[in-house]
Amino acid sequence: MRTKRITMIMTILFIGIVTACTSIIRQPDDDEKRMYFFGRGEGKNVLEAEKNARLDVEYQISSYIFTVVDSTSTLIIESNTVKGNIVDNSESFSVFLQTYTRTILEGVKRVKTRRGKSSKGNVEVQSLFEVFRANVDKVSDYIQKEMEALSRNYTSQISMQDSSELETIHKYLGIISALNPFERLRVNYYSPTGPVNLYSYLTAQIEILRNRVNNQGRPFPVPGPTITEQLSWLQINAESNGYYLIEIRNNTSIAPQVVSIPAGRRNVTITLLGSGAPRTVSLSADGSLFTVSSGITLVLDSNITLQGRSNNNSPLVVINNGGNLIMNQGSGITGNSDSGVHVNMGGMFTMYGGSIFENKGSDGSRSKVSVKLSASGA
């Protein structure tokens, strides 16, 4: 049911934004019940051209529905400059669906068709269509009721107290992930002082709670089902002086990863911890499993082992200038054919415990750790 609702809501957004600037002729009759749309189409024959003219009208009607429902096109276009980035222009607006306007389009009736110019076997057709405005108003009312229902539901969820900041953060992240771009614009949180945009409110609250967790010296659990997605999340969201935790719950195999954070951020600590039992993160392709970038401290904590490849041509872990690797008791680095850890100039590697074993140098020697002092830091 929710999938169907989201599908319907998404329709008007994409169509409303991408509609070409074709003129809409609206000539309501005396009682404002009819509207007229002028469409243009081309094709190899009259039937194909007329079909394309009708599609042109459908675009226009969908665009009109969008303007009736909410005049948010300016906010959407300028969203990348708005704090909180309520809607990312790259997400979901590329989806084309017609479920939302299907009922209205079934009531569209052609009034007049005129054949236009033709060239090289192609013919242009111009058609005039009519639609009852009452059908458009019904869609507007339906969307408004849906948004109000979601606002009440999420307000109720937020009002339920959680036992810890971490649980509250997880709940808020879950709500945000459930909102599609249109809902991010339209759904509110009914605060004691009045309604506020739900997405903006939750984004601000998560930041406040995250700072509390960091100030208490407890790590923030990175969201995401896999380690690669969690590292991608950190590349966008990691804050300066932040302390983040990635719990490895199962043995996993991943491609080489560059551990990085947003430009301008620094002093970020990322801890890998095996959850419940010893866990292994193995390398699925040649390269360095982790390349630690500047401003990052990667901590290998208990129950976590990094597994290399027997025919690899790169160190298993590379620490670049400004990066830091810490190994604690219960961690390990093993099974790589081109050394376990490689420290470039300006990097730092500290072992408080753990073990580095069964790694070979590129010359076949039993090299465990290599240090490269290069001015480039490469």
Protein backbone atom coordinates (compact mmCIF):
# COMPACT_ATOMS: atom_id res chain seq x y z
CA MET A 1 0.00 0.00 0.00
CA ARG A 2 2.82 2.41 0.89
CA THR A 3 4.65 1.53 -2.35
CA LYS A 4 1.55 2.40 -4.33
CA ARG A 5 1.16 5.70 -2.46
CA ILE A 6 4.80 6.64 -3.05
CA THR A 7 4.48 5.70 -6.71
CA MET A 8 1.46 7.96 -7.06
CA ILE A 9 3.08 10.89 -5.29
CA MET A 10 6.30 10.66 -7.31
CA THR A 11 4.43 11.01 -10.62
CA ILE A 12 3.62 14.66 -10.46
CA LEU A 13 7.09 15.68 -9.32
CA PHE A 14 9.17 14.48 -12.22
CA ILE A 15 6.62 15.31 -14.90
CA GLY A 16 6.01 18.74 -13.47
CA ILE A 17 9.70 19.60 -13.54
CA VAL A 18 10.67 18.27 -16.95
CA THR A 19 7.61 19.43 -18.94
CA ALA A 20 8.67 21.47 -21.93
CA CYS A 21 7.47 25.03 -22.19
CA THR A 22 4.48 24.20 -24.41
CA SER A 23 1.65 26.66 -24.04
CA ILE A 24 -1.38 25.53 -22.03
CA ILE A 25 -4.65 26.98 -23.27
CA ARG A 26 -7.07 27.09 -20.37
CA GLN A 27 -10.52 28.25 -21.33
CA PRO A 28 -12.86 27.33 -18.47
CA ASP A 29 -16.55 27.60 -19.21
CA ASP A 30 -18.85 29.72 -17.09
CA ASP A 31 -19.01 27.28 -14.18
CA GLU A 32 -15.22 26.63 -14.15
CA LYS A 33 -15.65 22.89 -14.72
CA ARG A 34 -13.67 22.43 -17.94
CA MET A 35 -10.10 23.24 -18.91
CA TYR A 36 -8.59 23.00 -22.39
CA PHE A 37 -5.04 21.89 -23.23
CA PHE A 38 -3.45 22.32 -26.65
CA GLY A 39 -0.99 19.54 -27.65
CA ARG A 40 1.39 19.10 -30.56
CA GLY A 41 2.81 15.84 -31.92
CA GLU A 42 4.77 14.49 -34.89
CA GLY A 43 4.90 11.03 -36.39
CA LYS A 44 5.27 8.94 -39.52
CA ASN A 45 1.51 9.11 -40.03
CA VAL A 46 -1.49 10.96 -38.65
CA LEU A 47 -2.33 8.30 -36.05
CA GLU A 48 1.19 8.32 -34.59
CA ALA A 49 1.32 12.12 -34.62
CA GLU A 50 -2.04 12.31 -32.86
CA LYS A 51 -0.85 9.81 -30.24
CA ASN A 52 2.19 11.97 -29.55
CA ALA A 53 -0.02 15.04 -29.33
CA ARG A 54 -2.02 13.29 -26.63
CA LEU A 55 1.18 12.43 -24.74
CA ASP A 56 2.12 16.09 -24.93
CA VAL A 57 -1.21 16.96 -23.34
CA GLU A 58 -0.67 14.37 -20.60
CA TYR A 59 2.62 16.06 -19.72
CA GLN A 60 0.86 19.40 -19.53
CA ILE A 61 -1.98 18.11 -17.38
CA SER A 62 0.47 16.44 -15.00
CA SER A 63 2.40 19.70 -14.81
CA TYR A 64 -0.77 21.58 -14.00
CA ILE A 65 -1.63 19.09 -11.25
CA PHE A 66 1.79 19.72 -9.76
CA THR A 67 1.21 23.48 -9.64
CA VAL A 68 -2.22 22.99 -8.07
CA VAL A 69 -0.87 20.65 -5.39
CA ASP A 70 2.18 22.65 -4.40
CA SER A 71 4.22 25.43 -5.97
CA THR A 72 7.55 24.08 -4.75
CA SER A 73 9.48 24.06 -8.02
CA THR A 74 11.64 27.00 -6.93
CA LEU A 75 12.58 25.25 -3.68
CA ILE A 76 13.40 22.05 -5.56
CA ILE A 77 15.59 23.83 -8.10
CA GLU A 78 17.44 25.80 -5.42
CA SER A 79 17.61 22.96 -2.91
CA ASN A 80 21.36 22.47 -3.26
CA THR A 81 21.90 25.90 -1.72
CA VAL A 82 19.42 25.40 1.11
CA LYS A 83 20.86 24.32 4.47
CA GLY A 84 19.89 20.74 5.10
CA ASN A 85 19.45 20.06 1.38
CA ILE A 86 15.81 19.06 1.75
CA VAL A 87 15.67 17.56 -1.73
CA ASP A 88 18.65 16.35 -3.71
CA ASN A 89 17.95 17.09 -7.37
CA SER A 90 19.71 13.89 -8.41
CA GLU A 91 17.46 11.50 -6.49
CA SER A 92 14.13 10.06 -7.52
CA PHE A 93 13.05 12.89 -9.82
CA SER A 94 14.34 10.81 -12.72
CA VAL A 95 11.57 8.30 -12.05
CA PHE A 96 8.67 8.55 -14.52
CA LEU A 97 5.35 7.15 -13.30
CA GLN A 98 1.78 7.80 -14.43
CA THR A 99 -0.28 6.17 -11.70
CA TYR A 100 -1.16 9.47 -10.05
CA THR A 101 -2.75 11.05 -13.14
CA ARG A 102 -4.28 7.92 -14.63
CA THR A 103 -7.78 8.61 -13.30
CA ILE A 104 -7.74 12.15 -14.62
CA LEU A 105 -6.30 11.17 -17.99
CA GLU A 106 -9.08 8.65 -18.49
CA GLY A 107 -11.47 11.59 -18.46
CA VAL A 108 -9.56 13.61 -21.03
CA LYS A 109 -11.55 14.09 -24.23
CA ARG A 110 -10.30 15.31 -27.60
CA VAL A 111 -12.22 18.32 -28.85
CA LYS A 112 -10.54 19.17 -32.14
CA THR A 113 -7.60 17.98 -34.26
CA ARG A 114 -5.85 19.96 -36.98
CA ARG A 115 -3.27 18.59 -39.38
CA GLY A 116 -0.20 20.76 -39.70
CA LYS A 117 2.94 20.72 -41.83
CA SER A 118 4.59 17.56 -43.09
CA SER A 119 8.09 16.88 -44.36
CA LYS A 120 10.05 13.77 -45.36
CA GLY A 121 7.09 11.57 -44.56
CA ASN A 122 6.64 13.12 -41.13
CA VAL A 123 3.39 14.84 -40.25
CA GLU A 124 2.57 17.27 -37.45
CA VAL A 125 -0.80 17.19 -35.70
CA GLN A 126 -2.22 19.79 -33.32
CA SER A 127 -5.03 18.68 -31.01
CA LEU A 128 -7.25 20.41 -28.45
CA PHE A 129 -8.31 18.38 -25.39
CA GLU A 130 -10.60 19.10 -22.46
CA VAL A 131 -10.51 17.88 -18.86
CA PHE A 132 -12.80 18.45 -15.89
CA ARG A 133 -11.12 20.56 -13.22
CA ALA A 134 -13.03 18.69 -10.52
CA ASN A 135 -10.85 15.65 -11.17
CA VAL A 136 -7.70 17.71 -10.64
CA ASP A 137 -9.09 19.11 -7.39
CA LYS A 138 -9.73 15.59 -6.11
CA VAL A 139 -6.07 14.71 -6.58
CA SER A 140 -5.03 17.86 -4.73
CA ASP A 141 -7.32 17.05 -1.81
CA TYR A 142 -6.09 13.45 -1.68
CA ILE A 143 -2.44 14.48 -1.50
CA GLN A 144 -3.17 17.03 1.23
CA LYS A 145 -4.90 14.40 3.36
CA GLU A 146 -2.03 11.94 2.81
CA MET A 147 0.55 14.49 3.93
CA GLU A 148 -1.47 15.39 7.02
CA ALA A 149 -1.85 11.72 7.94
CA LEU A 150 1.90 11.16 7.62
CA SER A 151 2.59 14.28 9.68
CA ARG A 152 0.41 13.01 12.52
CA ASN A 153 1.93 9.52 12.35
CA TYR A 154 5.55 10.70 12.49
CA THR A 155 4.79 13.26 15.19
CA SER A 156 3.39 10.42 17.30
CA GLN A 157 6.54 8.33 16.72
CA ILE A 158 8.81 11.21 17.69
CA SER A 159 6.85 11.92 20.89
CA MET A 160 7.58 8.39 22.16
CA GLN A 161 10.68 8.64 24.36
CA ASP A 162 13.66 6.35 23.76
CA SER A 163 16.04 5.13 26.44
CA SER A 164 19.22 6.51 24.89
CA GLU A 165 20.54 9.05 22.40
CA LEU A 166 21.76 6.26 20.12
CA GLU A 167 18.32 4.66 19.96
CA THR A 168 16.78 8.04 19.17
CA ILE A 169 19.32 8.64 16.40
CA HIS A 170 18.54 5.25 14.87
CA LYS A 171 14.81 6.01 14.97
CA TYR A 172 15.23 9.42 13.34
CA LEU A 173 17.48 7.98 10.63
CA GLY A 174 14.84 5.33 9.94
CA ILE A 175 12.14 7.99 9.52
CA ILE A 176 14.31 10.03 7.15
CA SER A 177 15.12 7.01 5.00
CA ALA A 178 11.37 6.27 4.68
CA LEU A 179 10.57 9.73 3.29
CA ASN A 180 10.56 10.16 -0.48
CA PRO A 181 11.65 13.59 -1.87
CA PHE A 182 8.09 14.93 -2.14
CA GLU A 183 7.36 13.94 1.46
CA ARG A 184 10.55 15.66 2.57
CA LEU A 185 9.03 18.87 1.29
CA ARG A 186 5.45 18.42 2.48
CA VAL A 187 5.40 16.36 5.71
CA ASN A 188 5.52 18.35 8.96
CA TYR A 189 6.35 17.73 12.59
CA TYR A 190 3.69 19.21 14.86
CA SER A 191 5.88 20.75 17.53
CA PRO A 192 4.42 22.46 20.63
CA THR A 193 5.05 25.83 18.98
CA GLY A 194 3.54 24.90 15.62
CA PRO A 195 4.25 22.80 12.50
CA VAL A 196 7.80 22.65 11.14
CA ASN A 197 9.25 20.74 8.22
CA LEU A 198 9.85 17.18 9.44
CA TYR A 199 13.01 16.52 7.42
CA SER A 200 14.70 19.74 8.54
CA TYR A 201 13.70 19.12 12.16
CA LEU A 202 15.06 15.57 12.24
CA THR A 203 18.28 16.55 10.48
CA ALA A 204 18.93 19.21 13.14
CA GLN A 205 18.03 16.87 16.00
CA ILE A 206 20.34 14.12 14.74
CA GLU A 207 23.21 16.60 14.66
CA ILE A 208 22.50 17.68 18.25
CA LEU A 209 22.28 14.09 19.48
CA ARG A 210 25.40 13.08 17.58
CA ASN A 211 27.36 15.85 19.27
CA ARG A 212 26.11 14.68 22.67
CA VAL A 213 27.27 11.15 21.95
CA ASN A 214 30.69 12.34 20.79
CA ASN A 215 31.07 14.59 23.82
CA GLN A 216 30.33 11.63 26.08
CA GLY A 217 33.17 9.71 24.44
CA ARG A 218 30.85 7.11 22.97
CA PRO A 219 31.14 6.29 19.27
CA PHE A 220 28.36 7.01 16.82
CA PRO A 221 27.20 3.81 15.04
CA VAL A 222 27.52 4.35 11.31
CA PRO A 223 24.26 3.53 9.48
CA GLY A 224 24.19 1.10 6.57
CA PRO A 225 23.81 -2.65 5.99
CA THR A 226 27.36 -3.23 4.65
CA ILE A 227 30.82 -1.90 5.43
CA THR A 228 31.15 -0.39 1.95
CA GLU A 229 27.92 1.56 2.37
CA GLN A 230 28.99 2.66 5.84
CA LEU A 231 32.30 3.97 4.51
CA SER A 232 30.40 5.78 1.75
CA TRP A 233 28.16 7.37 4.40
CA LEU A 234 31.25 8.63 6.24
CA GLN A 235 32.62 10.17 3.04
CA ILE A 236 29.58 12.47 3.01
CA ASN A 237 28.53 12.85 6.64
CA ALA A 238 31.57 12.53 8.92
CA GLU A 239 32.08 15.58 11.15
CA SER A 240 35.34 16.98 12.49
CA ASN A 241 36.36 15.48 15.84
CA GLY A 242 33.78 12.74 15.35
CA TYR A 243 34.09 9.23 16.78
CA TYR A 244 32.39 6.55 14.65
CA LEU A 245 31.86 2.82 15.07
CA ILE A 246 31.46 0.17 12.36
CA GLU A 247 30.40 -3.17 13.82
CA ILE A 248 31.23 -6.16 11.63
CA ARG A 249 28.54 -8.75 12.35
CA ASN A 250 29.54 -11.33 9.72
CA ASN A 251 32.62 -12.32 7.75
CA THR A 252 32.64 -10.20 4.62
CA SER A 253 34.65 -9.73 1.42
CA ILE A 254 35.01 -6.29 -0.17
CA ALA A 255 36.90 -4.52 -2.93
CA PRO A 256 39.72 -2.05 -2.14
CA GLN A 257 38.47 0.97 -0.18
CA VAL A 258 39.77 4.51 0.24
CA VAL A 259 38.76 5.63 3.73
CA SER A 260 38.03 9.35 3.35
CA ILE A 261 35.93 12.17 4.82
CA PRO A 262 34.42 15.39 3.40
CA ALA A 263 36.87 18.12 2.39
CA GLY A 264 37.76 20.47 5.21
CA ARG A 265 36.94 18.00 8.00
CA ARG A 266 39.61 16.56 10.28
CA ASN A 267 40.37 14.46 13.35
CA VAL A 268 37.84 11.71 12.58
CA THR A 269 38.19 8.35 14.35
CA ILE A 270 36.66 5.25 12.76
CA THR A 271 36.69 2.01 14.78
CA LEU A 272 36.17 -1.44 13.25
CA LEU A 273 34.88 -3.96 15.79
CA GLY A 274 33.95 -7.61 15.38
CA SER A 275 30.50 -8.08 16.91
CA GLY A 276 29.81 -11.16 19.02
CA ALA A 277 32.69 -13.28 17.69
CA PRO A 278 35.90 -12.95 15.65
CA ARG A 279 35.09 -11.50 12.23
CA THR A 280 37.16 -11.30 9.05
CA VAL A 281 37.13 -8.59 6.39
CA SER A 282 38.84 -10.04 3.33
CA LEU A 283 40.02 -8.46 0.09
CA SER A 284 38.05 -9.53 -3.00
CA ALA A 285 40.34 -7.97 -5.64
CA ASP A 286 43.95 -6.86 -5.98
CA GLY A 287 44.79 -3.58 -4.27
CA SER A 288 44.88 -2.21 -0.74
CA LEU A 289 41.95 -3.21 1.43
CA PHE A 290 42.06 0.13 3.24
CA THR A 291 43.87 3.32 2.22
CA VAL A 292 43.69 5.68 5.19
CA SER A 293 43.46 9.33 4.10
CA SER A 294 44.55 12.49 5.90
CA GLY A 295 42.57 13.49 8.98
CA ILE A 296 41.44 9.93 9.75
CA THR A 297 42.41 7.51 12.50
CA LEU A 298 41.39 3.95 11.64
CA VAL A 299 41.21 1.74 14.73
CA LEU A 300 41.22 -2.06 14.43
CA ASP A 301 39.60 -3.17 17.67
CA SER A 302 38.93 -6.61 19.11
CA ASN A 303 37.61 -9.54 17.09
CA ILE A 304 38.54 -8.02 13.73
CA THR A 305 41.02 -9.48 11.22
CA LEU A 306 41.94 -8.08 7.82
CA GLN A 307 42.64 -10.82 5.28
CA GLY A 308 44.75 -10.15 2.17
CA ARG A 309 45.41 -12.09 -1.04
CA SER A 310 48.17 -14.55 -1.77
CA ASN A 311 48.97 -12.98 -5.16
CA ASN A 312 48.27 -9.33 -4.33
CA ASN A 313 50.48 -6.57 -5.69
CA SER A 314 49.69 -3.95 -3.01
CA PRO A 315 50.04 -3.63 0.78
CA LEU A 316 46.92 -4.66 2.66
CA VAL A 317 46.67 -1.34 4.52
CA VAL A 318 48.21 1.93 3.30
CA ILE A 319 48.50 4.95 5.59
CA ASN A 320 48.86 8.21 3.71
CA ASN A 321 50.23 11.54 4.90
CA GLY A 322 48.11 12.73 7.83
CA GLY A 323 46.46 9.34 8.30
CA ASN A 324 46.74 7.10 11.34
CA LEU A 325 46.26 3.37 11.99
CA ILE A 326 45.86 1.89 15.47
CA MET A 327 45.75 -1.82 16.26
CA ASN A 328 44.30 -2.94 19.59
CA GLN A 329 44.31 -6.31 21.33
CA GLY A 330 42.37 -8.93 19.40
CA SER A 331 42.93 -7.46 15.93
CA GLY A 332 44.98 -8.94 13.10
CA ILE A 333 46.38 -8.34 9.62
CA THR A 334 47.27 -11.44 7.64
CA GLY A 335 47.53 -13.35 4.38
CA ASN A 336 48.82 -10.68 2.00
CA SER A 337 51.63 -11.12 -0.52
CA ASP A 338 52.85 -7.50 -0.55
CA SER A 339 53.28 -6.61 3.16
CA GLY A 340 50.57 -6.04 5.73
CA VAL A 341 50.93 -2.33 6.49
CA HIS A 342 52.58 0.37 4.42
CA VAL A 343 53.22 3.76 6.06
CA ASN A 344 53.88 6.72 3.77
CA MET A 345 55.72 9.84 4.87
CA GLY A 346 53.60 11.80 7.35
CA GLY A 347 51.49 8.75 8.27
CA MET A 348 51.41 7.06 11.67
CA PHE A 349 50.97 3.46 12.79
CA THR A 350 50.58 2.44 16.46
CA MET A 351 50.20 -1.10 17.86
CA TYR A 352 48.76 -1.43 21.36
CA GLY A 353 48.11 -5.09 20.67
CA GLY A 354 47.01 -7.43 17.92
CA SER A 355 49.20 -9.28 15.44
CA ILE A 356 50.51 -8.99 11.89
CA PHE A 357 51.36 -12.43 10.53
CA GLU A 358 51.80 -14.53 7.39
CA ASN A 359 52.35 -11.57 5.09
CA LYS A 360 55.06 -11.52 2.42
CA GLY A 361 56.94 -8.69 0.77
CA SER A 362 56.90 -8.18 -2.98
CA ASP A 363 60.28 -9.98 -3.11
CA GLY A 364 58.87 -13.02 -1.33
CA SER A 365 60.39 -12.20 2.06
CA ARG A 366 58.38 -12.44 5.25
CA SER A 367 57.82 -8.67 5.41
CA LYS A 368 55.15 -7.61 7.85
CA VAL A 369 55.34 -3.81 7.84
CA SER A 370 56.99 -1.54 5.32
CA VAL A 371 57.72 2.16 5.70
CA LYS A 372 58.10 4.42 2.69
CA LEU A 373 59.50 7.91 3.18
CA SER A 374 58.51 9.85 0.09
CA ALA A 375 58.10 13.60 -0.30
CA SER A 376 54.97 13.05 -2.35
CA GLY A 377 53.28 10.99 0.35
CA ALA A 378 52.05 8.65 -2.39
